Amino acid sequence: MITQQTNIKYIDWLTQWLENYIRPSVKMRTYERYKLIVEQHIKDKIGSMELNELSPLVLQRFITELLQSGNKKTGKGLSANSVNAVISVIQSSLRTAHLLGLTTEYAADKLKRPKIQEKPVECFTIAEQKQIEQAVMNWKKDKLYGILLCLYSGLRIGELIALQWSDIDLTKGILTVSKSCHDSKDGLIIDAPKTISSRRMIPLPKQLLPILKSIKKKSDALFVVSAKGKPVSVRSYQRSFELLLKKLKIPHKGFHSLRHTFATRAIECGMDVKTLSEILGHKNPTVTLNRYAHSFMEHKAGMMNRLGKLL
């Protein structure tokens, strides 16, 4: 165990910090993400330095280097999101070290975070959505019906893969989100949802219920999305979706676009922001408004144009 001293190597402290302070207090997914950040970005560059050598200038130069050439495979800079994740690990680990008296100063508090440019929300057009739905229905591959579920419930992929039949009340038409999952080197890990607000109950469209009942009737699997009775990995399901888009000759979009498509269609149908926020599992309606500001503006413009017809 590390004791109070000033010649501790940063990587030695990071190992202790991860095991004794992070692992017991966060989800396994967060712990693994922090550990990966240390291995991929911190260890080789500043891991051999002693804690008190990590001055504000040294740390800021390291961050600048990551932005310019931090990707080991390509030699290009890391994204702002990736760099901010590294900064979070550095700040948290050095804050704990300082509180324990292992450093004479907290050197990471003034690190400048790169600005994150919000990516435009990508969703499928109505025509593309109909193509996807038709393909899923025609191909009759039970595993692919999860795509329909995302289009009409806004589930995240981790929530979909972790979904069990016991989470869906097919009589009342209520889907309960109580867990999520992610891939790891040890296989699929099922965990609590992303946030407290991610725990939610979603009323399903009544048109979806006969389809779900039909799938459940011929399935003895525990999970809604399964292969040979076992849950599929997140990555393999993403690949299945990518192949579907390729066969349909629909321009590539990430799986999360299904969630964006659900939200966009809901706004187009006149769903209020509070209801949509609760269905999506957002922390508050402001998050939903900011994320889908463009869609809400288009909806408002449409409503005003309808009003204008009275003139």
Protein backbone atom coordinates (compact mmCIF):
# COMPACT_ATOMS: atom_id res chain seq x y z
CA MET A 1 0.00 0.00 0.00
CA ILE A 2 1.28 3.46 -0.87
CA THR A 3 2.11 5.63 2.11
CA GLN A 4 2.79 9.35 2.34
CA GLN A 5 5.91 10.03 0.29
CA THR A 6 6.90 12.32 -2.55
CA ASN A 7 8.82 10.00 -4.91
CA ILE A 8 5.87 7.88 -6.03
CA LYS A 9 5.67 7.08 -9.73
CA TYR A 10 2.40 8.26 -11.26
CA ILE A 11 1.64 4.84 -12.75
CA ASP A 12 2.07 3.21 -9.31
CA TRP A 13 -0.37 5.68 -7.82
CA LEU A 14 -2.82 5.22 -10.70
CA THR A 15 -2.82 1.45 -10.09
CA GLN A 16 -3.61 1.99 -6.41
CA TRP A 17 -6.18 4.67 -7.18
CA LEU A 18 -8.02 2.48 -9.67
CA GLU A 19 -8.17 -0.55 -7.38
CA ASN A 20 -8.84 1.14 -4.03
CA TYR A 21 -10.81 4.26 -4.89
CA ILE A 22 -12.47 3.74 -8.28
CA ARG A 23 -13.31 0.05 -8.52
CA PRO A 24 -15.33 -0.08 -5.26
CA SER A 25 -17.30 3.09 -6.02
CA VAL A 26 -18.31 3.00 -9.70
CA LYS A 27 -19.89 0.64 -12.22
CA MET A 28 -17.57 -1.97 -13.71
CA ARG A 29 -17.99 -0.27 -17.08
CA THR A 30 -16.62 3.02 -15.72
CA TYR A 31 -13.74 1.26 -13.98
CA GLU A 32 -12.78 -0.55 -17.19
CA ARG A 33 -12.99 2.68 -19.18
CA TYR A 34 -10.68 4.47 -16.71
CA LYS A 35 -8.27 1.54 -16.74
CA LEU A 36 -8.18 1.58 -20.55
CA ILE A 37 -7.47 5.32 -20.58
CA VAL A 38 -4.52 4.78 -18.24
CA GLU A 39 -3.15 1.93 -20.38
CA GLN A 40 -3.64 3.59 -23.75
CA HIS A 41 -2.89 7.25 -23.10
CA ILE A 42 -1.23 7.94 -19.75
CA LYS A 43 1.08 5.06 -18.83
CA ASP A 44 3.70 5.42 -21.58
CA LYS A 45 3.77 9.20 -21.67
CA ILE A 46 3.77 10.44 -18.07
CA GLY A 47 3.35 7.24 -16.05
CA SER A 48 7.06 7.01 -15.17
CA MET A 49 7.13 10.54 -13.74
CA GLU A 50 6.94 11.12 -10.00
CA LEU A 51 3.76 12.71 -8.65
CA ASN A 52 5.41 15.99 -7.70
CA GLU A 53 6.96 16.27 -11.16
CA LEU A 54 3.48 16.61 -12.66
CA SER A 55 3.32 20.40 -12.71
CA PRO A 56 0.50 22.34 -14.39
CA LEU A 57 2.80 23.08 -17.35
CA VAL A 58 3.86 19.42 -17.77
CA LEU A 59 0.24 18.28 -17.69
CA GLN A 60 -0.95 20.95 -20.15
CA ARG A 61 1.84 20.05 -22.58
CA PHE A 62 0.76 16.42 -22.34
CA ILE A 63 -2.85 17.38 -23.13
CA THR A 64 -1.70 19.47 -26.10
CA GLU A 65 0.32 16.50 -27.38
CA LEU A 66 -2.77 14.27 -27.16
CA LEU A 67 -4.76 16.78 -29.20
CA GLN A 68 -2.04 16.95 -31.85
CA SER A 69 -0.82 13.35 -32.13
CA GLY A 70 -2.41 11.24 -29.40
CA ASN A 71 -3.77 8.46 -31.62
CA LYS A 72 -1.11 5.73 -31.59
CA LYS A 73 -2.50 3.98 -34.67
CA THR A 74 -2.84 6.97 -36.98
CA GLY A 75 -0.53 9.54 -35.42
CA LYS A 76 -3.37 12.04 -35.55
CA GLY A 77 -4.84 13.94 -32.62
CA LEU A 78 -7.44 12.50 -30.29
CA SER A 79 -10.96 13.89 -30.35
CA ALA A 80 -12.01 16.50 -27.80
CA ASN A 81 -14.23 13.88 -26.13
CA SER A 82 -11.31 11.45 -25.74
CA VAL A 83 -8.97 14.13 -24.39
CA ASN A 84 -11.57 15.31 -21.88
CA ALA A 85 -11.91 11.72 -20.66
CA VAL A 86 -8.13 11.61 -20.08
CA ILE A 87 -8.30 14.94 -18.24
CA SER A 88 -11.05 13.56 -15.97
CA VAL A 89 -8.84 10.61 -14.99
CA ILE A 90 -5.84 12.87 -14.34
CA GLN A 91 -7.83 15.37 -12.29
CA SER A 92 -9.61 12.76 -10.18
CA SER A 93 -6.48 10.72 -9.49
CA LEU A 94 -4.32 13.73 -8.62
CA ARG A 95 -7.07 15.29 -6.48
CA THR A 96 -7.21 12.11 -4.40
CA ALA A 97 -3.40 12.02 -4.19
CA HIS A 98 -3.34 15.61 -2.94
CA LEU A 99 -6.07 15.00 -0.36
CA LEU A 100 -4.00 12.08 0.98
CA GLY A 101 -0.93 14.29 1.27
CA LEU A 102 0.97 12.53 -1.53
CA THR A 103 1.59 15.79 -3.42
CA THR A 104 2.46 19.28 -2.31
CA GLU A 105 -0.04 20.87 -4.71
CA TYR A 106 -3.05 19.90 -6.81
CA ALA A 107 -1.60 20.54 -10.25
CA ALA A 108 -4.52 19.52 -12.45
CA ASP A 109 -7.22 21.99 -11.45
CA LYS A 110 -6.38 24.52 -14.18
CA LEU A 111 -6.11 22.11 -17.10
CA LYS A 112 -7.85 23.58 -20.14
CA ARG A 113 -10.42 21.27 -21.65
CA PRO A 114 -10.88 21.35 -25.43
CA LYS A 115 -14.30 22.49 -26.57
CA ILE A 116 -16.58 19.73 -27.78
CA GLN A 117 -18.40 20.40 -31.01
CA GLU A 118 -21.87 18.90 -30.84
CA LYS A 119 -22.38 16.40 -33.63
CA PRO A 120 -25.56 16.95 -35.61
CA VAL A 121 -28.29 14.50 -34.65
CA GLU A 122 -28.51 11.82 -37.33
CA CYS A 123 -31.83 10.15 -37.92
CA PHE A 124 -33.42 8.18 -40.71
CA THR A 125 -35.87 9.74 -43.11
CA ILE A 126 -39.43 8.41 -43.07
CA ALA A 127 -38.72 6.57 -46.34
CA GLU A 128 -35.57 4.96 -44.89
CA GLN A 129 -37.41 4.05 -41.70
CA LYS A 130 -40.12 2.31 -43.73
CA GLN A 131 -37.45 0.42 -45.67
CA ILE A 132 -35.83 -0.79 -42.45
CA GLU A 133 -39.15 -1.81 -40.90
CA GLN A 134 -40.22 -3.66 -44.06
CA ALA A 135 -36.92 -5.55 -44.22
CA VAL A 136 -37.15 -6.62 -40.58
CA MET A 137 -40.71 -7.85 -41.08
CA ASN A 138 -39.95 -9.65 -44.35
CA TRP A 139 -36.73 -11.35 -43.25
CA LYS A 140 -38.40 -12.65 -40.09
CA LYS A 141 -35.17 -12.98 -38.15
CA ASP A 142 -36.23 -12.75 -34.50
CA LYS A 143 -32.97 -11.12 -33.51
CA LEU A 144 -33.62 -8.15 -35.82
CA TYR A 145 -36.97 -7.28 -34.24
CA GLY A 146 -34.97 -5.41 -31.60
CA ILE A 147 -34.45 -2.75 -34.26
CA LEU A 148 -38.22 -2.20 -34.41
CA LEU A 149 -38.30 -1.98 -30.63
CA CYS A 150 -35.68 0.79 -30.68
CA LEU A 151 -37.52 2.70 -33.42
CA TYR A 152 -40.68 2.74 -31.31
CA SER A 153 -39.31 3.07 -27.77
CA GLY A 154 -36.04 5.01 -28.06
CA LEU A 155 -34.01 2.34 -26.23
CA ARG A 156 -30.23 2.61 -26.15
CA ILE A 157 -28.46 -0.44 -27.56
CA GLY A 158 -27.18 -1.52 -24.13
CA GLU A 159 -30.72 -1.33 -22.76
CA LEU A 160 -32.04 -3.39 -25.68
CA ILE A 161 -29.43 -6.15 -25.37
CA ALA A 162 -30.03 -6.41 -21.58
CA LEU A 163 -33.82 -6.49 -22.01
CA GLN A 164 -35.53 -9.67 -20.82
CA TRP A 165 -39.05 -10.84 -21.61
CA SER A 166 -39.91 -10.38 -17.94
CA ASP A 167 -39.27 -6.64 -18.46
CA ILE A 168 -42.19 -6.37 -20.90
CA ASP A 169 -45.78 -6.57 -19.73
CA LEU A 170 -47.44 -7.62 -22.99
CA THR A 171 -50.92 -7.33 -21.45
CA LYS A 172 -50.53 -3.70 -20.34
CA GLY A 173 -48.06 -2.83 -23.09
CA ILE A 174 -45.42 -1.50 -20.67
CA LEU A 175 -41.68 -1.94 -21.09
CA THR A 176 -39.50 -1.46 -17.98
CA VAL A 177 -35.87 -0.38 -18.34
CA SER A 178 -34.02 -1.57 -15.26
CA LYS A 179 -30.61 -2.58 -16.60
CA SER A 180 -28.11 -2.03 -19.38
CA CYS A 181 -25.05 -3.88 -20.64
CA HIS A 182 -21.73 -3.49 -22.41
CA ASP A 183 -19.08 -5.68 -23.99
CA SER A 184 -15.89 -6.43 -22.09
CA LYS A 185 -12.90 -8.72 -22.57
CA ASP A 186 -14.66 -11.15 -20.20
CA GLY A 187 -17.86 -11.14 -22.26
CA LEU A 188 -21.17 -9.32 -21.88
CA ILE A 189 -21.57 -7.44 -18.59
CA ILE A 190 -25.10 -6.55 -17.46
CA ASP A 191 -25.22 -3.60 -15.11
CA ALA A 192 -27.51 -0.88 -13.80
CA PRO A 193 -28.71 1.67 -16.38
CA LYS A 194 -26.67 4.70 -17.39
CA THR A 195 -28.24 7.04 -14.79
CA ILE A 196 -31.06 7.06 -12.22
CA SER A 197 -33.32 8.73 -14.79
CA SER A 198 -32.52 5.89 -17.22
CA ARG A 199 -34.64 3.61 -15.02
CA ARG A 200 -38.05 4.11 -16.57
CA MET A 201 -41.31 2.63 -17.80
CA ILE A 202 -42.20 3.04 -21.47
CA PRO A 203 -45.73 2.55 -22.85
CA LEU A 204 -45.38 0.70 -26.16
CA PRO A 205 -47.47 1.43 -29.28
CA LYS A 206 -50.30 -1.08 -29.39
CA GLN A 207 -49.37 -1.94 -33.00
CA LEU A 208 -46.06 -3.37 -31.75
CA LEU A 209 -47.60 -5.74 -29.20
CA PRO A 210 -48.83 -8.48 -31.60
CA ILE A 211 -45.34 -8.67 -33.13
CA LEU A 212 -43.71 -9.04 -29.70
CA LYS A 213 -46.28 -11.62 -28.60
CA SER A 214 -45.59 -13.65 -31.73
CA ILE A 215 -41.82 -13.64 -31.10
CA LYS A 216 -42.21 -14.54 -27.42
CA LYS A 217 -44.58 -17.39 -28.25
CA LYS A 218 -41.92 -19.24 -30.24
CA SER A 219 -38.97 -18.29 -28.03
CA ASP A 220 -37.84 -19.92 -24.81
CA ALA A 221 -34.94 -17.47 -24.41
CA LEU A 222 -34.62 -15.26 -21.36
CA PHE A 223 -33.53 -12.24 -23.41
CA VAL A 224 -35.64 -10.47 -26.02
CA VAL A 225 -32.66 -10.23 -28.40
CA SER A 226 -30.88 -13.57 -28.45
CA ALA A 227 -29.04 -16.06 -30.63
CA LYS A 228 -29.53 -19.74 -29.87
CA GLY A 229 -31.10 -18.77 -26.56
CA LYS A 230 -28.15 -16.64 -25.43
CA PRO A 231 -27.83 -12.84 -25.35
CA VAL A 232 -25.83 -11.33 -28.18
CA SER A 233 -22.91 -8.97 -27.74
CA VAL A 234 -23.39 -5.26 -28.31
CA ARG A 235 -20.81 -5.21 -31.11
CA SER A 236 -22.28 -8.20 -32.95
CA TYR A 237 -25.72 -6.57 -32.92
CA GLN A 238 -24.24 -3.32 -34.21
CA ARG A 239 -22.66 -5.32 -37.04
CA SER A 240 -25.99 -6.95 -37.86
CA PHE A 241 -27.53 -3.48 -38.12
CA GLU A 242 -24.67 -2.24 -40.32
CA LEU A 243 -25.17 -5.21 -42.66
CA LEU A 244 -28.91 -4.49 -42.82
CA LEU A 245 -28.27 -0.89 -43.90
CA LYS A 246 -25.71 -2.07 -46.46
CA LYS A 247 -28.15 -4.55 -48.01
CA LEU A 248 -30.82 -1.86 -48.19
CA LYS A 249 -28.29 0.62 -49.64
CA ILE A 250 -29.12 3.13 -46.93
CA PRO A 251 -26.22 5.48 -46.06
CA HIS A 252 -24.39 4.33 -42.94
CA LYS A 253 -25.58 5.68 -39.60
CA GLY A 254 -24.77 4.46 -36.12
CA PHE A 255 -27.18 2.30 -34.12
CA HIS A 256 -27.91 5.28 -31.87
CA SER A 257 -29.60 6.89 -34.89
CA LEU A 258 -32.57 4.60 -34.19
CA ARG A 259 -33.03 6.41 -30.87
CA HIS A 260 -32.67 9.79 -32.59
CA THR A 261 -35.21 8.69 -35.20
CA PHE A 262 -37.70 7.74 -32.49
CA ALA A 263 -37.27 11.14 -30.83
CA THR A 264 -37.61 13.01 -34.12
CA ARG A 265 -40.78 11.13 -35.12
CA ALA A 266 -42.22 11.70 -31.63
CA ILE A 267 -41.66 15.46 -31.98
CA GLU A 268 -43.18 15.41 -35.47
CA CYS A 269 -46.26 13.70 -33.99
CA GLY A 270 -46.59 16.50 -31.43
CA MET A 271 -45.25 14.77 -28.29
CA ASP A 272 -44.45 17.31 -25.57
CA VAL A 273 -40.87 17.65 -24.40
CA LYS A 274 -41.48 16.48 -20.82
CA THR A 275 -43.08 13.22 -21.95
CA LEU A 276 -40.35 12.61 -24.53
CA SER A 277 -37.65 13.35 -21.95
CA GLU A 278 -39.11 10.77 -19.56
CA ILE A 279 -39.42 8.11 -22.28
CA LEU A 280 -35.83 8.69 -23.40
CA GLY A 281 -34.57 8.59 -19.81
CA HIS A 282 -32.95 12.02 -19.95
CA LYS A 283 -32.03 13.77 -16.72
CA ASN A 284 -34.45 16.62 -17.44
CA PRO A 285 -36.37 18.18 -20.37
CA THR A 286 -33.57 20.71 -20.95
CA VAL A 287 -31.29 17.88 -22.12
CA THR A 288 -33.96 16.80 -24.61
CA LEU A 289 -34.54 20.36 -25.82
CA ASN A 290 -30.83 20.94 -26.38
CA ARG A 291 -30.34 17.61 -28.15
CA TYR A 292 -33.31 17.98 -30.49
CA ALA A 293 -33.52 21.77 -30.77
CA HIS A 294 -33.60 21.66 -34.57
CA SER A 295 -36.48 19.16 -34.64
CA PHE A 296 -38.47 21.17 -32.11
CA MET A 297 -37.92 24.34 -34.14
CA GLU A 298 -39.15 22.62 -37.32
CA HIS A 299 -42.19 21.34 -35.42
CA LYS A 300 -42.93 24.83 -34.05
CA ALA A 301 -42.57 26.33 -37.53
CA GLY A 302 -45.03 23.76 -38.87
CA MET A 303 -47.53 24.60 -36.14
CA MET A 304 -47.18 28.33 -36.85
CA ASN A 305 -47.69 27.76 -40.58
CA ARG A 306 -50.88 25.86 -39.81
CA LEU A 307 -51.99 28.80 -37.67
CA GLY A 308 -51.09 31.16 -40.51
CA LYS A 309 -53.58 29.43 -42.80
CA LEU A 310 -56.33 31.10 -40.77
CA LEU A 311 -55.29 34.51 -42.13
